[in-house]
C-alpha atoms as a PDB file:
ATOM      1  CA  MET A   1       0.803 -44.577 -14.275  1.00  0.00           C
ATOM      2  CA  GLU A   2      -2.555 -45.772 -15.585  1.00  0.00           C
ATOM      3  CA  SER A   3      -4.486 -43.729 -18.134  1.00  0.00           C
ATOM      4  CA  PRO A   4      -7.801 -42.099 -17.185  1.00  0.00           C
ATOM      5  CA  GLU A   5      -9.617 -44.444 -19.580  1.00  0.00           C
ATOM      6  CA  SER A   6      -7.982 -47.466 -17.946  1.00  0.00           C
ATOM      7  CA  ASN A   7      -8.809 -46.137 -14.470  1.00  0.00           C
ATOM      8  CA  PHE A   8     -12.432 -45.682 -15.485  1.00  0.00           C
ATOM      9  CA  SER A   9     -12.638 -49.218 -16.881  1.00  0.00           C
ATOM     10  CA  LYS A  10     -11.333 -50.659 -13.602  1.00  0.00           C
ATOM     11  CA  LEU A  11     -14.175 -48.978 -11.679  1.00  0.00           C
ATOM     12  CA  GLY A  12     -16.763 -51.031 -13.584  1.00  0.00           C
ATOM     13  CA  LEU A  13     -19.100 -48.040 -13.848  1.00  0.00           C
ATOM     14  CA  THR A  14     -21.328 -47.224 -16.811  1.00  0.00           C
ATOM     15  CA  LEU A  15     -21.651 -43.776 -18.309  1.00  0.00           C
ATOM     16  CA  PRO A  16     -25.106 -42.319 -18.854  1.00  0.00           C
ATOM     17  CA  PRO A  17     -25.882 -40.702 -22.203  1.00  0.00           C
ATOM     18  CA  ALA A  18     -24.197 -37.318 -22.550  1.00  0.00           C
ATOM     19  CA  PRO A  19     -26.874 -34.812 -21.529  1.00  0.00           C
ATOM     20  CA  LYS A  20     -28.308 -32.477 -24.153  1.00  0.00           C
ATOM     21  CA  PRO A  21     -28.648 -28.781 -23.293  1.00  0.00           C
ATOM     22  CA  LEU A  22     -32.060 -27.878 -21.864  1.00  0.00           C
ATOM     23  CA  GLY A  23     -31.480 -24.166 -22.483  1.00  0.00           C
ATOM     24  CA  VAL A  24     -29.421 -21.754 -24.527  1.00  0.00           C
ATOM     25  CA  TYR A  25     -25.874 -22.868 -23.706  1.00  0.00           C
ATOM     26  CA  LYS A  26     -23.127 -25.275 -24.742  1.00  0.00           C
ATOM     27  CA  PRO A  27     -22.478 -28.347 -22.553  1.00  0.00           C
ATOM     28  CA  CYS A  28     -18.751 -27.792 -22.993  1.00  0.00           C
ATOM     29  CA  LEU A  29     -16.375 -25.268 -24.467  1.00  0.00           C
ATOM     30  CA  ILE A  30     -12.678 -25.544 -25.253  1.00  0.00           C
ATOM     31  CA  ASP A  31     -10.612 -22.369 -24.915  1.00  0.00           C
ATOM     32  CA  GLY A  32      -6.955 -23.010 -25.642  1.00  0.00           C
ATOM     33  CA  LYS A  33      -5.821 -25.635 -23.163  1.00  0.00           C
ATOM     34  CA  HIS A  34      -8.947 -25.384 -20.977  1.00  0.00           C
ATOM     35  CA  LEU A  35     -12.187 -27.335 -21.092  1.00  0.00           C
ATOM     36  CA  TYR A  36     -15.183 -25.714 -19.420  1.00  0.00           C
ATOM     37  CA  LEU A  37     -18.173 -27.892 -18.580  1.00  0.00           C
ATOM     38  CA  SER A  38     -21.553 -26.277 -17.983  1.00  0.00           C
ATOM     39  CA  GLY A  39     -23.583 -27.317 -14.986  1.00  0.00           C
ATOM     40  CA  HIS A  40     -24.521 -30.989 -15.247  1.00  0.00           C
ATOM     41  CA  GLY A  41     -27.322 -32.803 -13.477  1.00  0.00           C
ATOM     42  CA  THR A  42     -28.070 -36.262 -12.204  1.00  0.00           C
ATOM     43  CA  VAL A  43     -28.555 -38.107 -15.504  1.00  0.00           C
ATOM     44  CA  LYS A  44     -28.916 -41.869 -15.020  1.00  0.00           C
ATOM     45  CA  GLU A  45     -28.049 -44.628 -17.504  1.00  0.00           C
ATOM     46  CA  ASP A  46     -31.614 -44.653 -18.867  1.00  0.00           C
ATOM     47  CA  GLY A  47     -31.534 -40.879 -19.440  1.00  0.00           C
ATOM     48  CA  SER A  48     -33.870 -40.103 -16.539  1.00  0.00           C
ATOM     49  CA  LEU A  49     -32.889 -37.881 -13.613  1.00  0.00           C
ATOM     50  CA  ILE A  50     -32.388 -38.518  -9.926  1.00  0.00           C
ATOM     51  CA  ILE A  51     -34.917 -36.156  -8.325  1.00  0.00           C
ATOM     52  CA  GLY A  52     -35.270 -34.801  -4.812  1.00  0.00           C
ATOM     53  CA  ARG A  53     -33.942 -32.491  -2.135  1.00  0.00           C
ATOM     54  CA  VAL A  54     -31.131 -33.556   0.198  1.00  0.00           C
ATOM     55  CA  GLY A  55     -32.337 -33.486   3.790  1.00  0.00           C
ATOM     56  CA  LEU A  56     -35.969 -34.020   2.773  1.00  0.00           C
ATOM     57  CA  ASP A  57     -36.315 -36.636   0.017  1.00  0.00           C
ATOM     58  CA  MET A  58     -32.901 -38.242   0.505  1.00  0.00           C
ATOM     59  CA  ASP A  59     -30.147 -38.405   3.093  1.00  0.00           C
ATOM     60  CA  MET A  60     -26.614 -37.133   2.586  1.00  0.00           C
ATOM     61  CA  ALA A  61     -25.295 -40.563   1.527  1.00  0.00           C
ATOM     62  CA  GLU A  62     -27.906 -40.664  -1.259  1.00  0.00           C
ATOM     63  CA  GLY A  63     -26.928 -37.103  -2.131  1.00  0.00           C
ATOM     64  CA  LYS A  64     -23.299 -38.188  -2.416  1.00  0.00           C
ATOM     65  CA  LEU A  65     -24.310 -40.972  -4.818  1.00  0.00           C
ATOM     66  CA  ALA A  66     -26.283 -38.400  -6.818  1.00  0.00           C
ATOM     67  CA  ALA A  67     -23.137 -36.234  -7.018  1.00  0.00           C
ATOM     68  CA  ARG A  68     -21.175 -39.229  -8.310  1.00  0.00           C
ATOM     69  CA  GLN A  69     -23.884 -39.662 -10.958  1.00  0.00           C
ATOM     70  CA  VAL A  70     -23.373 -36.025 -11.980  1.00  0.00           C
ATOM     71  CA  GLY A  71     -19.653 -36.775 -12.292  1.00  0.00           C
ATOM     72  CA  LEU A  72     -20.470 -39.684 -14.584  1.00  0.00           C
ATOM     73  CA  ALA A  73     -22.643 -37.402 -16.730  1.00  0.00           C
ATOM     74  CA  MET A  74     -19.717 -34.995 -16.964  1.00  0.00           C
ATOM     75  CA  LEU A  75     -17.409 -37.816 -18.040  1.00  0.00           C
ATOM     76  CA  ALA A  76     -19.979 -38.759 -20.694  1.00  0.00           C
ATOM     77  CA  THR A  77     -19.891 -35.200 -22.039  1.00  0.00           C
ATOM     78  CA  ILE A  78     -16.078 -35.257 -22.145  1.00  0.00           C
ATOM     79  CA  LYS A  79     -16.037 -38.565 -24.045  1.00  0.00           C
ATOM     80  CA  ALA A  80     -18.793 -37.460 -26.434  1.00  0.00           C
ATOM     81  CA  ASN A  81     -17.034 -34.196 -27.292  1.00  0.00           C
ATOM     82  CA  LEU A  82     -13.335 -35.032 -26.957  1.00  0.00           C
ATOM     83  CA  GLY A  83     -13.394 -38.756 -27.725  1.00  0.00           C
ATOM     84  CA  SER A  84     -11.393 -39.826 -24.671  1.00  0.00           C
ATOM     85  CA  LEU A  85     -10.897 -39.008 -21.001  1.00  0.00           C
ATOM     86  CA  ASN A  86      -7.163 -39.241 -21.740  1.00  0.00           C
ATOM     87  CA  ARG A  87      -7.266 -35.784 -23.374  1.00  0.00           C
ATOM     88  CA  VAL A  88      -7.842 -34.215 -19.945  1.00  0.00           C
ATOM     89  CA  LYS A  89      -4.629 -33.494 -18.042  1.00  0.00           C
ATOM     90  CA  ARG A  90      -6.164 -32.387 -14.742  1.00  0.00           C
ATOM     91  CA  VAL A  91      -9.140 -31.018 -12.873  1.00  0.00           C
ATOM     92  CA  ILE A  92      -8.737 -27.315 -12.111  1.00  0.00           C
ATOM     93  CA  LYS A  93     -12.021 -26.317 -10.440  1.00  0.00           C
ATOM     94  CA  VAL A  94     -15.310 -27.873  -9.400  1.00  0.00           C
ATOM     95  CA  LEU A  95     -18.400 -25.926  -8.337  1.00  0.00           C
ATOM     96  CA  GLY A  96     -20.950 -28.188  -6.671  1.00  0.00           C
ATOM     97  CA  MET A  97     -24.480 -27.032  -5.868  1.00  0.00           C
ATOM     98  CA  VAL A  98     -26.707 -29.040  -3.542  1.00  0.00           C
ATOM     99  CA  ASN A  99     -30.506 -28.702  -3.590  1.00  0.00           C
ATOM    100  CA  CYS A 100     -31.118 -29.033   0.133  1.00  0.00           C
ATOM    101  CA  THR A 101     -33.164 -28.037   3.134  1.00  0.00           C
ATOM    102  CA  LEU A 102     -32.259 -24.831   4.987  1.00  0.00           C
ATOM    103  CA  ASP A 103     -30.775 -26.745   7.916  1.00  0.00           C
ATOM    104  CA  PHE A 104     -28.532 -29.005   5.801  1.00  0.00           C
ATOM    105  CA  GLU A 105     -24.836 -28.216   6.335  1.00  0.00           C
ATOM    106  CA  ARG A 106     -22.870 -31.105   4.793  1.00  0.00           C
ATOM    107  CA  HIS A 107     -22.542 -29.794   1.228  1.00  0.00           C
ATOM    108  CA  PRO A 108     -18.851 -30.775   0.941  1.00  0.00           C
ATOM    109  CA  PHE A 109     -19.686 -34.382   1.921  1.00  0.00           C
ATOM    110  CA  VAL A 110     -22.259 -34.564  -0.885  1.00  0.00           C
ATOM    111  CA  ILE A 111     -19.980 -33.051  -3.548  1.00  0.00           C
ATOM    112  CA  ASN A 112     -17.242 -35.514  -2.550  1.00  0.00           C
ATOM    113  CA  GLY A 113     -19.240 -38.032  -4.605  1.00  0.00           C
ATOM    114  CA  CYS A 114     -18.037 -36.275  -7.750  1.00  0.00           C
ATOM    115  CA  SER A 115     -14.612 -35.241  -6.442  1.00  0.00           C
ATOM    116  CA  GLU A 116     -13.743 -38.782  -5.341  1.00  0.00           C
ATOM    117  CA  LEU A 117     -14.743 -40.093  -8.784  1.00  0.00           C
ATOM    118  CA  PHE A 118     -12.476 -37.554 -10.511  1.00  0.00           C
ATOM    119  CA  ALA A 119      -9.604 -38.492  -8.154  1.00  0.00           C
ATOM    120  CA  GLN A 120     -10.100 -42.156  -9.125  1.00  0.00           C
ATOM    121  CA  ILE A 121     -10.027 -41.257 -12.838  1.00  0.00           C
ATOM    122  CA  TRP A 122      -7.111 -38.782 -12.959  1.00  0.00           C
ATOM    123  CA  GLY A 123      -5.311 -39.695  -9.717  1.00  0.00           C
ATOM    124  CA  GLU A 124      -5.014 -37.593  -6.582  1.00  0.00           C
ATOM    125  CA  GLU A 125      -2.443 -35.203  -8.043  1.00  0.00           C
ATOM    126  CA  ASN A 126      -4.422 -34.346 -11.200  1.00  0.00           C
ATOM    127  CA  GLY A 127      -7.953 -35.352 -10.226  1.00  0.00           C
ATOM    128  CA  ILE A 128      -8.349 -33.009  -7.269  1.00  0.00           C
ATOM    129  CA  GLY A 129      -8.597 -29.301  -7.991  1.00  0.00           C
ATOM    130  CA  VAL A 130      -9.957 -26.308  -6.153  1.00  0.00           C
ATOM    131  CA  ARG A 131     -13.625 -26.547  -5.225  1.00  0.00           C
ATOM    132  CA  SER A 132     -16.699 -24.872  -3.834  1.00  0.00           C
ATOM    133  CA  ALA A 133     -19.675 -26.781  -2.432  1.00  0.00           C
ATOM    134  CA  VAL A 134     -22.755 -24.715  -1.711  1.00  0.00           C
ATOM    135  CA  GLY A 135     -26.419 -25.171  -0.845  1.00  0.00           C
ATOM    136  CA  MET A 136     -29.251 -23.968  -3.042  1.00  0.00           C
ATOM    137  CA  GLY A 137     -32.927 -23.370  -2.395  1.00  0.00           C
ATOM    138  CA  SER A 138     -33.778 -25.212  -5.613  1.00  0.00           C
ATOM    139  CA  LEU A 139     -32.188 -26.620  -8.759  1.00  0.00           C
ATOM    140  CA  PRO A 140     -33.654 -27.293 -12.240  1.00  0.00           C
ATOM    141  CA  ASP A 141     -36.240 -30.117 -12.337  1.00  0.00           C
ATOM    142  CA  ASN A 142     -35.709 -30.576  -8.567  1.00  0.00           C
ATOM    143  CA  ILE A 143     -32.423 -32.458  -9.103  1.00  0.00           C
ATOM    144  CA  PRO A 144     -30.422 -32.853  -5.868  1.00  0.00           C
ATOM    145  CA  VAL A 145     -27.030 -31.830  -7.300  1.00  0.00           C
ATOM    146  CA  GLU A 146     -25.671 -29.723 -10.149  1.00  0.00           C
ATOM    147  CA  ILE A 147     -21.937 -29.433 -10.834  1.00  0.00           C
ATOM    148  CA  GLU A 148     -19.832 -27.433 -13.256  1.00  0.00           C
ATOM    149  CA  ALA A 149     -16.097 -27.818 -13.753  1.00  0.00           C
ATOM    150  CA  LEU A 150     -12.970 -26.525 -15.427  1.00  0.00           C
ATOM    151  CA  PHE A 151     -10.257 -28.887 -16.702  1.00  0.00           C
ATOM    152  CA  GLU A 152      -6.808 -28.472 -18.250  1.00  0.00           C
ATOM    153  CA  LEU A 153      -6.210 -30.366 -21.478  1.00  0.00           C
ATOM    154  CA  HIS A 154      -2.957 -31.959 -22.578  1.00  0.00           C
ATOM    155  CA  GLU A 155      -0.953 -29.803 -24.972  1.00  0.00           C
ATOM    156  CA  GLY A 156      -2.063 -30.403 -28.537  1.00  0.00           C
ATOM    157  CA  ALA A 157      -5.098 -32.366 -27.355  1.00  0.00           C
END
């Protein structure tokens, strides 16, 4: 079985800079064997954000790519704070929020952009947890997707 770090390398993707908090909160918190990640946005490699509303400024395929970008930002936070993706044993829960028009109904499709990335990193058994995918009337800075997650860490990690 390949390690999460090895799996990430094979994807040929680049992590954006780990986002800095834009409010009064911690980007991540370890409690025993659990890692909680605060809501992350669509931080690109240059530190800028993907902006726009799904169903108005972008289609659902672009929204899915934005969700993958959020997943990459989350991976950047894990690496910056834990040193390695290998310290994470599995994904427990993902909450995905989609900034979308009132008539948009494909929230799960959009959030799959992040969930599929996590499955590629930690494998289908450990990379897929429970999940909610919901629509929002707006998100900070008009980003299309915000995602928070809970992970289980390896014992002694």
